[in-house]
Amino acid sequence: MNSTNRAMNRIVIVIVGTFLLACGLVAVGVGAVASVRDAWRVAVPQLARTARAWVRSGADSADTAVAVAIVAALVILIVLLIVFIFRQGRGHTSRLMTDATTDHGSTIIESGLAEQLVQDALADRPELLATRVSTYRVRRASVLKISVVARRGASPRDIGVAIDNALHALDAVVGVQIPAAIHIGGGLRTRMTTAARLS
């Protein structure tokens, strides 16, 4: 339900992670290995001289083209990272619904209310280890996303019925049917928890 493309997420994570890893390895090498430290001391002045030469040789079209290409690539990378940052978290909404304004006013229901009601309804279920409820905006409609971690040995059907009952109770409270997406998962926490017999 995040509007950011998943492939773009992975690509940016790989690029940034590789860059940070390279920086960390260089820093460790400079601090711990004498040969790397000596090479670094030689390379840095050479890079500085090369950069100054590029700046001074404005008449040389080849050097200028390389410098412009590098600057353009950096600017494009910065713009892409800024766009990526601002797209994160989109889709979340703090408002569940807004009733049409009438002569008597309008009704606004915050998503926090619905999320808390559903979590409270599922809090005492012994077959659930964790429950997380959030609200997203999908195609101009608010949708509840209910993610639960099931205890090992629990019946997914029973968990689905419990969540369905909680949603029907919420619909009765707010007066409209709220669309919902349900995710029932397990994972490491389930494997590390002893099995429980559920009746």
N, C-alpha and C. Protein backbone atom coordinates (compact mmCIF):
# COMPACT_ATOMS: atom_id res chain seq x y z
N MET A 1 0.82 -1.20 0.00
CA MET A 1 0.00 0.00 0.00
C MET A 1 0.86 1.26 0.00
N ASN A 2 2.14 1.09 -0.12
CA ASN A 2 3.03 2.22 -0.26
C ASN A 2 3.10 2.58 -1.73
N SER A 3 3.05 3.87 -2.05
CA SER A 3 3.02 4.27 -3.44
C SER A 3 4.38 4.20 -4.10
N THR A 4 5.43 3.96 -3.34
CA THR A 4 6.76 3.84 -3.92
C THR A 4 6.92 2.48 -4.57
N ASN A 5 7.47 2.48 -5.79
CA ASN A 5 7.70 1.24 -6.48
C ASN A 5 8.68 0.37 -5.70
N ARG A 6 8.35 -0.93 -5.58
CA ARG A 6 9.19 -1.83 -4.79
C ARG A 6 10.57 -1.99 -5.40
N ALA A 7 10.63 -2.07 -6.74
CA ALA A 7 11.94 -2.20 -7.40
C ALA A 7 12.81 -0.97 -7.14
N MET A 8 12.18 0.23 -7.16
CA MET A 8 12.94 1.44 -6.88
C MET A 8 13.46 1.42 -5.45
N ASN A 9 12.62 0.94 -4.52
CA ASN A 9 13.08 0.81 -3.13
C ASN A 9 14.35 -0.02 -3.07
N ARG A 10 14.31 -1.19 -3.70
CA ARG A 10 15.46 -2.11 -3.63
C ARG A 10 16.69 -1.51 -4.30
N ILE A 11 16.50 -0.85 -5.45
CA ILE A 11 17.63 -0.27 -6.16
C ILE A 11 18.30 0.82 -5.33
N VAL A 12 17.49 1.70 -4.75
CA VAL A 12 18.05 2.79 -3.95
C VAL A 12 18.76 2.22 -2.72
N ILE A 13 18.16 1.21 -2.08
CA ILE A 13 18.78 0.61 -0.91
C ILE A 13 20.12 -0.02 -1.27
N VAL A 14 20.17 -0.72 -2.43
CA VAL A 14 21.43 -1.35 -2.85
C VAL A 14 22.49 -0.30 -3.15
N ILE A 15 22.11 0.77 -3.86
CA ILE A 15 23.08 1.81 -4.22
C ILE A 15 23.62 2.51 -2.97
N VAL A 16 22.70 2.96 -2.11
CA VAL A 16 23.13 3.66 -0.90
C VAL A 16 23.91 2.73 0.02
N GLY A 17 23.44 1.48 0.15
CA GLY A 17 24.14 0.52 1.00
C GLY A 17 25.54 0.22 0.49
N THR A 18 25.68 0.04 -0.82
CA THR A 18 27.01 -0.22 -1.40
C THR A 18 27.94 0.96 -1.20
N PHE A 19 27.40 2.17 -1.39
CA PHE A 19 28.23 3.37 -1.19
C PHE A 19 28.68 3.49 0.26
N LEU A 20 27.76 3.30 1.20
CA LEU A 20 28.13 3.40 2.62
C LEU A 20 29.10 2.29 3.02
N LEU A 21 28.89 1.09 2.47
CA LEU A 21 29.81 0.00 2.75
C LEU A 21 31.21 0.30 2.24
N ALA A 22 31.29 0.85 1.03
CA ALA A 22 32.60 1.22 0.47
C ALA A 22 33.27 2.30 1.33
N CYS A 23 32.49 3.29 1.74
CA CYS A 23 33.05 4.34 2.60
C CYS A 23 33.55 3.75 3.92
N GLY A 24 32.77 2.85 4.49
CA GLY A 24 33.19 2.22 5.74
C GLY A 24 34.44 1.40 5.58
N LEU A 25 34.55 0.63 4.48
CA LEU A 25 35.75 -0.17 4.24
C LEU A 25 36.98 0.70 4.03
N VAL A 26 36.79 1.81 3.31
CA VAL A 26 37.91 2.73 3.11
C VAL A 26 38.34 3.33 4.45
N ALA A 27 37.37 3.74 5.26
CA ALA A 27 37.71 4.33 6.56
C ALA A 27 38.45 3.33 7.45
N VAL A 28 37.98 2.08 7.46
CA VAL A 28 38.65 1.05 8.25
C VAL A 28 40.05 0.78 7.72
N GLY A 29 40.15 0.72 6.38
CA GLY A 29 41.46 0.47 5.79
C GLY A 29 42.45 1.58 6.07
N VAL A 30 41.99 2.84 5.96
CA VAL A 30 42.87 3.98 6.24
C VAL A 30 43.31 3.98 7.69
N GLY A 31 42.41 3.60 8.59
CA GLY A 31 42.76 3.63 10.01
C GLY A 31 43.55 2.44 10.49
N ALA A 32 43.41 1.28 9.81
CA ALA A 32 44.00 0.06 10.36
C ALA A 32 45.15 -0.50 9.54
N VAL A 33 45.18 -0.25 8.24
CA VAL A 33 46.20 -0.87 7.37
C VAL A 33 47.17 0.22 6.90
N ALA A 34 48.46 -0.01 7.16
CA ALA A 34 49.46 1.01 6.84
C ALA A 34 49.57 1.24 5.34
N SER A 35 49.52 0.18 4.55
CA SER A 35 49.66 0.34 3.09
C SER A 35 48.49 1.13 2.51
N VAL A 36 47.27 0.86 3.02
CA VAL A 36 46.10 1.62 2.55
C VAL A 36 46.22 3.08 2.97
N ARG A 37 46.71 3.31 4.18
CA ARG A 37 46.87 4.68 4.66
C ARG A 37 47.88 5.43 3.80
N ASP A 38 48.99 4.77 3.42
CA ASP A 38 49.99 5.42 2.57
C ASP A 38 49.43 5.70 1.18
N ALA A 39 48.67 4.74 0.63
CA ALA A 39 48.06 4.95 -0.69
C ALA A 39 47.05 6.09 -0.64
N TRP A 40 46.32 6.17 0.46
CA TRP A 40 45.34 7.27 0.61
C TRP A 40 46.04 8.62 0.63
N ARG A 41 47.14 8.70 1.35
CA ARG A 41 47.89 9.98 1.42
C ARG A 41 48.43 10.39 0.06
N VAL A 42 48.75 9.41 -0.78
CA VAL A 42 49.24 9.73 -2.12
C VAL A 42 48.08 10.08 -3.05
N ALA A 43 46.96 9.37 -2.92
CA ALA A 43 45.85 9.55 -3.85
C ALA A 43 45.11 10.85 -3.65
N VAL A 44 44.95 11.28 -2.39
CA VAL A 44 44.16 12.49 -2.12
C VAL A 44 44.77 13.72 -2.77
N PRO A 45 46.08 13.99 -2.63
CA PRO A 45 46.64 15.15 -3.33
C PRO A 45 46.51 15.06 -4.84
N GLN A 46 46.66 13.84 -5.39
CA GLN A 46 46.52 13.68 -6.83
C GLN A 46 45.10 14.01 -7.29
N LEU A 47 44.11 13.53 -6.53
CA LEU A 47 42.73 13.86 -6.86
C LEU A 47 42.46 15.35 -6.77
N ALA A 48 43.03 15.98 -5.75
CA ALA A 48 42.85 17.43 -5.60
C ALA A 48 43.48 18.17 -6.77
N ARG A 49 44.68 17.75 -7.19
CA ARG A 49 45.33 18.40 -8.33
C ARG A 49 44.53 18.19 -9.62
N THR A 50 43.97 16.98 -9.78
CA THR A 50 43.16 16.71 -10.96
C THR A 50 41.92 17.59 -10.99
N ALA A 51 41.26 17.73 -9.83
CA ALA A 51 40.07 18.58 -9.76
C ALA A 51 40.40 20.03 -10.07
N ARG A 52 41.52 20.52 -9.52
CA ARG A 52 41.93 21.90 -9.81
C ARG A 52 42.27 22.07 -11.29
N ALA A 53 42.88 21.04 -11.88
CA ALA A 53 43.21 21.12 -13.30
C ALA A 53 41.95 21.18 -14.16
N TRP A 54 40.93 20.41 -13.78
CA TRP A 54 39.67 20.44 -14.52
C TRP A 54 39.03 21.83 -14.45
N VAL A 55 39.11 22.43 -13.26
CA VAL A 55 38.50 23.76 -13.10
C VAL A 55 39.24 24.79 -13.94
N ARG A 56 40.60 24.68 -13.96
CA ARG A 56 41.39 25.68 -14.69
C ARG A 56 41.31 25.49 -16.20
N SER A 57 41.12 24.26 -16.64
CA SER A 57 41.15 24.00 -18.09
C SER A 57 39.76 24.14 -18.70
N GLY A 58 39.20 25.31 -18.56
CA GLY A 58 37.88 25.53 -19.13
C GLY A 58 37.89 25.52 -20.64
N ALA A 59 39.06 25.80 -21.23
CA ALA A 59 39.13 25.84 -22.69
C ALA A 59 39.21 24.44 -23.28
N ASP A 60 39.61 23.47 -22.49
CA ASP A 60 39.73 22.10 -22.98
C ASP A 60 38.36 21.46 -22.96
N SER A 61 37.81 21.21 -24.14
CA SER A 61 36.43 20.72 -24.24
C SER A 61 36.28 19.33 -23.66
N ALA A 62 37.30 18.45 -23.79
CA ALA A 62 37.20 17.08 -23.28
C ALA A 62 37.08 17.08 -21.77
N ASP A 63 38.00 17.82 -21.11
CA ASP A 63 37.95 17.88 -19.65
C ASP A 63 36.66 18.53 -19.17
N THR A 64 36.23 19.56 -19.87
CA THR A 64 35.00 20.25 -19.49
C THR A 64 33.80 19.31 -19.63
N ALA A 65 33.78 18.53 -20.71
CA ALA A 65 32.67 17.61 -20.92
C ALA A 65 32.62 16.56 -19.81
N VAL A 66 33.79 16.06 -19.41
CA VAL A 66 33.82 15.07 -18.32
C VAL A 66 33.33 15.69 -17.03
N ALA A 67 33.78 16.90 -16.72
CA ALA A 67 33.36 17.57 -15.49
C ALA A 67 31.86 17.83 -15.49
N VAL A 68 31.34 18.29 -16.65
CA VAL A 68 29.89 18.55 -16.75
C VAL A 68 29.11 17.26 -16.59
N ALA A 69 29.59 16.17 -17.18
CA ALA A 69 28.90 14.88 -17.07
C ALA A 69 28.86 14.41 -15.61
N ILE A 70 29.97 14.58 -14.90
CA ILE A 70 30.00 14.16 -13.50
C ILE A 70 29.04 14.99 -12.67
N VAL A 71 29.06 16.30 -12.88
CA VAL A 71 28.16 17.18 -12.12
C VAL A 71 26.70 16.86 -12.44
N ALA A 72 26.40 16.62 -13.73
CA ALA A 72 25.02 16.30 -14.11
C ALA A 72 24.58 14.98 -13.47
N ALA A 73 25.46 13.98 -13.46
CA ALA A 73 25.11 12.70 -12.84
C ALA A 73 24.84 12.87 -11.35
N LEU A 74 25.66 13.68 -10.68
CA LEU A 74 25.44 13.92 -9.25
C LEU A 74 24.13 14.64 -9.00
N VAL A 75 23.82 15.63 -9.84
CA VAL A 75 22.56 16.37 -9.67
C VAL A 75 21.37 15.44 -9.88
N ILE A 76 21.44 14.58 -10.90
CA ILE A 76 20.34 13.63 -11.15
C ILE A 76 20.18 12.68 -9.97
N LEU A 77 21.30 12.19 -9.43
CA LEU A 77 21.24 11.29 -8.27
C LEU A 77 20.62 11.98 -7.07
N ILE A 78 20.99 13.24 -6.84
CA ILE A 78 20.43 13.98 -5.70
C ILE A 78 18.93 14.19 -5.88
N VAL A 79 18.51 14.54 -7.09
CA VAL A 79 17.07 14.73 -7.35
C VAL A 79 16.30 13.43 -7.14
N LEU A 80 16.84 12.33 -7.64
CA LEU A 80 16.17 11.04 -7.45
C LEU A 80 16.07 10.67 -5.97
N LEU A 81 17.11 10.92 -5.21
CA LEU A 81 17.07 10.62 -3.78
C LEU A 81 16.05 11.50 -3.06
N ILE A 82 15.96 12.78 -3.46
CA ILE A 82 14.98 13.67 -2.83
C ILE A 82 13.56 13.20 -3.14
N VAL A 83 13.31 12.83 -4.41
CA VAL A 83 11.99 12.31 -4.79
C VAL A 83 11.68 11.05 -4.01
N PHE A 84 12.65 10.17 -3.90
CA PHE A 84 12.46 8.92 -3.16
C PHE A 84 12.12 9.19 -1.70
N ILE A 85 12.82 10.14 -1.08
CA ILE A 85 12.58 10.46 0.33
C ILE A 85 11.16 10.99 0.53
N PHE A 86 10.73 11.89 -0.35
CA PHE A 86 9.41 12.50 -0.18
C PHE A 86 8.27 11.53 -0.51
N ARG A 87 8.57 10.47 -1.29
CA ARG A 87 7.53 9.49 -1.59
C ARG A 87 7.34 8.48 -0.46
N GLN A 88 8.31 8.39 0.46
CA GLN A 88 8.18 7.43 1.54
C GLN A 88 7.04 7.82 2.47
N GLY A 89 6.31 6.81 2.89
CA GLY A 89 5.23 7.06 3.84
C GLY A 89 3.94 7.54 3.22
N ARG A 90 3.96 7.77 1.88
CA ARG A 90 2.72 8.21 1.27
C ARG A 90 1.70 7.09 1.30
N GLY A 91 0.45 7.47 1.40
CA GLY A 91 -0.60 6.47 1.49
C GLY A 91 -1.21 6.41 2.87
N HIS A 92 -0.41 6.67 3.90
CA HIS A 92 -0.96 6.70 5.25
C HIS A 92 -1.90 7.89 5.38
N THR A 93 -2.94 7.70 6.15
CA THR A 93 -3.87 8.80 6.39
C THR A 93 -4.31 8.78 7.85
N SER A 94 -4.53 9.95 8.38
CA SER A 94 -4.98 10.07 9.77
C SER A 94 -6.49 10.21 9.88
N ARG A 95 -7.18 10.19 8.75
CA ARG A 95 -8.64 10.36 8.75
C ARG A 95 -9.30 9.14 8.11
N LEU A 96 -10.19 8.51 8.85
CA LEU A 96 -10.88 7.34 8.34
C LEU A 96 -12.00 7.71 7.38
N MET A 97 -12.81 8.67 7.77
CA MET A 97 -13.92 9.08 6.90
C MET A 97 -14.41 10.46 7.30
N THR A 98 -15.00 11.13 6.33
CA THR A 98 -15.63 12.43 6.55
C THR A 98 -17.01 12.39 5.94
N ASP A 99 -18.03 12.56 6.77
CA ASP A 99 -19.40 12.55 6.27
C ASP A 99 -19.69 13.86 5.56
N ALA A 100 -20.61 13.83 4.63
CA ALA A 100 -20.96 15.03 3.87
C ALA A 100 -21.47 16.13 4.80
N THR A 101 -21.07 17.34 4.52
CA THR A 101 -21.47 18.48 5.33
C THR A 101 -22.96 18.78 5.10
N THR A 102 -23.68 18.95 6.19
CA THR A 102 -25.10 19.29 6.13
C THR A 102 -25.33 20.58 6.91
N ASP A 103 -26.58 20.94 7.07
CA ASP A 103 -26.91 22.13 7.84
C ASP A 103 -26.50 21.98 9.30
N HIS A 104 -26.40 20.72 9.75
CA HIS A 104 -26.04 20.47 11.15
C HIS A 104 -24.55 20.26 11.35
N GLY A 105 -23.76 20.34 10.27
CA GLY A 105 -22.32 20.15 10.39
C GLY A 105 -21.87 18.89 9.65
N SER A 106 -20.69 18.44 9.97
CA SER A 106 -20.14 17.25 9.33
C SER A 106 -19.54 16.33 10.39
N THR A 107 -19.45 15.07 10.05
CA THR A 107 -18.89 14.07 10.96
C THR A 107 -17.54 13.62 10.44
N ILE A 108 -16.53 13.71 11.29
CA ILE A 108 -15.18 13.29 10.94
C ILE A 108 -14.74 12.21 11.91
N ILE A 109 -14.28 11.09 11.40
CA ILE A 109 -13.79 10.00 12.22
C ILE A 109 -12.30 9.83 11.95
N GLU A 110 -11.50 10.00 12.97
CA GLU A 110 -10.06 9.84 12.84
C GLU A 110 -9.71 8.35 12.75
N SER A 111 -8.66 8.06 12.01
CA SER A 111 -8.26 6.67 11.84
C SER A 111 -7.77 6.06 13.14
N GLY A 112 -7.22 6.87 14.02
CA GLY A 112 -6.74 6.36 15.31
C GLY A 112 -7.84 5.69 16.11
N LEU A 113 -9.06 6.21 16.01
CA LEU A 113 -10.19 5.61 16.73
C LEU A 113 -10.46 4.20 16.22
N ALA A 114 -10.57 4.07 14.91
CA ALA A 114 -10.86 2.75 14.33
C ALA A 114 -9.73 1.77 14.62
N GLU A 115 -8.49 2.23 14.49
CA GLU A 115 -7.34 1.36 14.75
C GLU A 115 -7.35 0.86 16.18
N GLN A 116 -7.64 1.76 17.12
CA GLN A 116 -7.66 1.37 18.54
C GLN A 116 -8.80 0.41 18.85
N LEU A 117 -9.97 0.65 18.25
CA LEU A 117 -11.10 -0.24 18.48
C LEU A 117 -10.82 -1.66 17.99
N VAL A 118 -10.21 -1.76 16.81
CA VAL A 118 -9.89 -3.09 16.28
C VAL A 118 -8.82 -3.76 17.11
N GLN A 119 -7.80 -3.02 17.51
CA GLN A 119 -6.75 -3.60 18.33
C GLN A 119 -7.28 -4.05 19.68
N ASP A 120 -8.16 -3.25 20.28
CA ASP A 120 -8.75 -3.65 21.57
C ASP A 120 -9.60 -4.91 21.42
N ALA A 121 -10.31 -5.02 20.29
CA ALA A 121 -11.16 -6.20 20.08
C ALA A 121 -10.33 -7.47 19.92
N LEU A 122 -9.10 -7.33 19.41
CA LEU A 122 -8.25 -8.49 19.18
C LEU A 122 -7.19 -8.69 20.27
N ALA A 123 -7.16 -7.79 21.23
CA ALA A 123 -6.08 -7.82 22.23
C ALA A 123 -6.11 -9.08 23.09
N ASP A 124 -7.29 -9.60 23.39
CA ASP A 124 -7.40 -10.75 24.30
C ASP A 124 -7.44 -12.09 23.57
N ARG A 125 -7.18 -12.10 22.29
CA ARG A 125 -7.20 -13.36 21.55
C ARG A 125 -5.92 -14.14 21.84
N PRO A 126 -6.03 -15.34 22.43
CA PRO A 126 -4.82 -16.09 22.80
C PRO A 126 -4.02 -16.60 21.61
N GLU A 127 -4.65 -16.68 20.43
CA GLU A 127 -3.95 -17.21 19.28
C GLU A 127 -3.13 -16.15 18.55
N LEU A 128 -3.20 -14.91 19.02
CA LEU A 128 -2.46 -13.82 18.37
C LEU A 128 -1.31 -13.36 19.26
N LEU A 129 -0.12 -13.29 18.67
CA LEU A 129 1.04 -12.79 19.40
C LEU A 129 1.18 -11.27 19.27
N ALA A 130 0.77 -10.73 18.14
CA ALA A 130 0.89 -9.28 17.92
C ALA A 130 -0.16 -8.84 16.91
N THR A 131 -0.60 -7.60 17.06
CA THR A 131 -1.59 -7.03 16.14
C THR A 131 -1.17 -5.61 15.80
N ARG A 132 -1.24 -5.30 14.53
CA ARG A 132 -0.93 -3.93 14.09
C ARG A 132 -2.00 -3.49 13.10
N VAL A 133 -2.60 -2.34 13.38
CA VAL A 133 -3.66 -1.81 12.53
C VAL A 133 -3.24 -0.41 12.05
N SER A 134 -3.32 -0.18 10.76
CA SER A 134 -3.00 1.12 10.19
C SER A 134 -4.01 1.46 9.10
N THR A 135 -4.05 2.72 8.72
CA THR A 135 -5.03 3.18 7.74
C THR A 135 -4.31 3.80 6.55
N TYR A 136 -4.72 3.41 5.35
CA TYR A 136 -4.14 3.90 4.12
C TYR A 136 -5.22 4.51 3.24
N ARG A 137 -4.76 5.36 2.35
CA ARG A 137 -5.66 5.97 1.36
C ARG A 137 -5.43 5.25 0.04
N VAL A 138 -6.42 4.54 -0.45
CA VAL A 138 -6.32 3.78 -1.69
C VAL A 138 -7.48 4.19 -2.59
N ARG A 139 -7.15 4.76 -3.75
CA ARG A 139 -8.16 5.18 -4.71
C ARG A 139 -9.25 6.05 -4.07
N ARG A 140 -8.80 7.02 -3.31
CA ARG A 140 -9.67 8.02 -2.66
C ARG A 140 -10.57 7.42 -1.61
N ALA A 141 -10.23 6.26 -1.10
CA ALA A 141 -11.00 5.64 -0.03
C ALA A 141 -10.05 5.18 1.08
N SER A 142 -10.51 5.27 2.31
CA SER A 142 -9.70 4.83 3.44
C SER A 142 -9.84 3.32 3.62
N VAL A 143 -8.71 2.64 3.77
CA VAL A 143 -8.69 1.19 3.91
C VAL A 143 -7.88 0.84 5.15
N LEU A 144 -8.45 -0.01 5.99
CA LEU A 144 -7.72 -0.49 7.16
C LEU A 144 -6.82 -1.65 6.76
N LYS A 145 -5.59 -1.63 7.22
CA LYS A 145 -4.69 -2.77 7.02
C LYS A 145 -4.46 -3.40 8.39
N ILE A 146 -4.87 -4.65 8.53
CA ILE A 146 -4.75 -5.37 9.80
C ILE A 146 -3.72 -6.47 9.61
N SER A 147 -2.61 -6.36 10.31
CA SER A 147 -1.55 -7.36 10.26
C SER A 147 -1.45 -8.02 11.61
N VAL A 148 -1.52 -9.34 11.64
CA VAL A 148 -1.44 -10.07 12.90
C VAL A 148 -0.36 -11.15 12.78
N VAL A 149 0.26 -11.46 13.91
CA VAL A 149 1.21 -12.55 14.00
C VAL A 149 0.52 -13.67 14.78
N ALA A 150 0.35 -14.80 14.12
CA ALA A 150 -0.39 -15.91 14.73
C ALA A 150 0.54 -16.80 15.55
N ARG A 151 0.01 -17.30 16.66
CA ARG A 151 0.76 -18.25 17.48
C ARG A 151 0.88 -19.57 16.72
N ARG A 152 1.95 -20.29 16.94
CA ARG A 152 2.15 -21.56 16.27
C ARG A 152 1.03 -22.53 16.65
N GLY A 153 0.43 -23.15 15.65
CA GLY A 153 -0.67 -24.08 15.86
C GLY A 153 -2.04 -23.45 15.79
N ALA A 154 -2.09 -22.12 15.65
CA ALA A 154 -3.39 -21.45 15.58
C ALA A 154 -4.02 -21.66 14.21
N SER A 155 -5.34 -21.65 14.18
CA SER A 155 -6.08 -21.84 12.93
C SER A 155 -6.25 -20.50 12.23
N PRO A 156 -5.73 -20.36 11.01
CA PRO A 156 -5.93 -19.11 10.26
C PRO A 156 -7.42 -18.80 10.04
N ARG A 157 -8.23 -19.85 9.90
CA ARG A 157 -9.67 -19.63 9.70
C ARG A 157 -10.29 -18.98 10.94
N ASP A 158 -9.94 -19.48 12.13
CA ASP A 158 -10.47 -18.89 13.36
C ASP A 158 -9.99 -17.45 13.52
N ILE A 159 -8.73 -17.20 13.17
CA ILE A 159 -8.21 -15.83 13.27
C ILE A 159 -8.96 -14.92 12.30
N GLY A 160 -9.21 -15.43 11.08
CA GLY A 160 -9.96 -14.64 10.11
C GLY A 160 -11.36 -14.31 10.59
N VAL A 161 -12.01 -15.28 11.23
CA VAL A 161 -13.36 -15.05 11.76
C VAL A 161 -13.32 -13.99 12.86
N ALA A 162 -12.30 -14.06 13.74
CA ALA A 162 -12.18 -13.08 14.82
C ALA A 162 -11.97 -11.67 14.27
N ILE A 163 -11.12 -11.55 13.26
CA ILE A 163 -10.89 -10.24 12.65
C ILE A 163 -12.15 -9.75 11.95
N ASP A 164 -12.85 -10.66 11.28
CA ASP A 164 -14.09 -10.29 10.59
C ASP A 164 -15.13 -9.80 11.59
N ASN A 165 -15.24 -10.45 12.74
CA ASN A 165 -16.18 -10.01 13.77
C ASN A 165 -15.81 -8.62 14.29
N ALA A 166 -14.49 -8.39 14.47
CA ALA A 166 -14.06 -7.07 14.94
C ALA A 166 -14.39 -5.99 13.91
N LEU A 167 -14.25 -6.32 12.63
CA LEU A 167 -14.57 -5.34 11.59
C LEU A 167 -16.07 -5.08 11.50
N HIS A 168 -16.88 -6.12 11.68
CA HIS A 168 -18.34 -5.92 11.68
C HIS A 168 -18.76 -5.04 12.86
N ALA A 169 -18.11 -5.23 14.01
CA ALA A 169 -18.41 -4.38 15.16
C ALA A 169 -18.01 -2.93 14.88
N LEU A 170 -16.88 -2.73 14.21
CA LEU A 170 -16.46 -1.37 13.85
C LEU A 170 -17.45 -0.75 12.87
N ASP A 171 -17.90 -1.53 11.89
CA ASP A 171 -18.89 -1.01 10.94
C ASP A 171 -20.16 -0.57 11.64
N ALA A 172 -20.56 -1.33 12.67
CA ALA A 172 -21.77 -0.96 13.42
C ALA A 172 -21.57 0.33 14.18
N VAL A 173 -20.34 0.57 14.67
CA VAL A 173 -20.07 1.79 15.44
C VAL A 173 -20.05 3.02 14.54
N VAL A 174 -19.34 2.93 13.39
CA VAL A 174 -19.20 4.11 12.53
C VAL A 174 -20.37 4.27 11.57
N GLY A 175 -21.16 3.24 11.37
CA GLY A 175 -22.34 3.35 10.53
C GLY A 175 -22.12 3.08 9.06
N VAL A 176 -20.89 2.78 8.65
CA VAL A 176 -20.60 2.44 7.26
C VAL A 176 -19.65 1.25 7.23
N GLN A 177 -19.60 0.58 6.10
CA GLN A 177 -18.68 -0.55 5.97
C GLN A 177 -17.31 -0.04 5.53
N ILE A 178 -16.30 -0.34 6.35
CA ILE A 178 -14.95 0.11 6.07
C ILE A 178 -14.19 -1.02 5.37
N PRO A 179 -13.65 -0.79 4.17
CA PRO A 179 -12.86 -1.83 3.52
C PRO A 179 -11.58 -2.11 4.30
N ALA A 180 -11.14 -3.36 4.25
CA ALA A 180 -9.96 -3.74 5.03
C ALA A 180 -9.14 -4.78 4.28
N ALA A 181 -7.84 -4.73 4.51
CA ALA A 181 -6.91 -5.75 4.01
C ALA A 181 -6.33 -6.46 5.22
N ILE A 182 -6.34 -7.78 5.19
CA ILE A 182 -5.92 -8.58 6.36
C ILE A 182 -4.69 -9.40 5.99
N HIS A 183 -3.69 -9.33 6.86
CA HIS A 183 -2.48 -10.13 6.67
C HIS A 183 -2.24 -10.95 7.93
N ILE A 184 -2.22 -12.26 7.77
CA ILE A 184 -1.95 -13.18 8.88
C ILE A 184 -0.59 -13.80 8.64
N GLY A 185 0.35 -13.53 9.52
CA GLY A 185 1.72 -13.99 9.31
C GLY A 185 2.25 -14.76 10.51
N GLY A 186 3.45 -15.30 10.30
CA GLY A 186 4.14 -16.02 11.36
C GLY A 186 5.50 -15.40 11.58
N GLY A 187 6.56 -16.11 11.15
CA GLY A 187 7.90 -15.56 11.25
C GLY A 187 8.66 -16.09 12.45
N LEU A 188 9.77 -15.41 12.76
CA LEU A 188 10.68 -15.86 13.82
C LEU A 188 10.00 -15.90 15.17
N ARG A 189 9.17 -14.92 15.45
CA ARG A 189 8.51 -14.89 16.76
C ARG A 189 7.60 -16.10 16.94
N THR A 190 6.95 -16.53 15.85
CA THR A 190 6.09 -17.70 15.93
C THR A 190 6.91 -18.96 16.19
N ARG A 191 8.04 -19.08 15.49
CA ARG A 191 8.86 -20.29 15.65
C ARG A 191 9.49 -20.39 17.03
N MET A 192 9.74 -19.26 17.67
CA MET A 192 10.39 -19.27 18.98
C MET A 192 9.39 -19.39 20.12
N THR A 193 8.10 -19.36 19.81
CA THR A 193 7.08 -19.44 20.84
C THR A 193 6.54 -20.86 20.92
N THR A 194 6.35 -21.35 22.12
CA THR A 194 5.84 -22.71 22.28
C THR A 194 4.42 -22.81 21.77
N ALA A 195 4.10 -23.97 21.25
CA ALA A 195 2.74 -24.19 20.71
C ALA A 195 1.72 -24.15 21.84
N ALA A 196 0.55 -23.64 21.50
CA ALA A 196 -0.53 -23.57 22.49
C ALA A 196 -1.75 -24.28 21.93
N ARG A 197 -2.44 -24.98 22.79
CA ARG A 197 -3.66 -25.64 22.37
C ARG A 197 -4.81 -24.65 22.51
N LEU A 198 -5.51 -24.43 21.40
CA LEU A 198 -6.57 -23.44 21.37
C LEU A 198 -7.90 -24.16 21.23
N SER A 199 -8.85 -23.74 22.02
CA SER A 199 -10.17 -24.36 21.96
C SER A 199 -11.17 -23.43 21.32
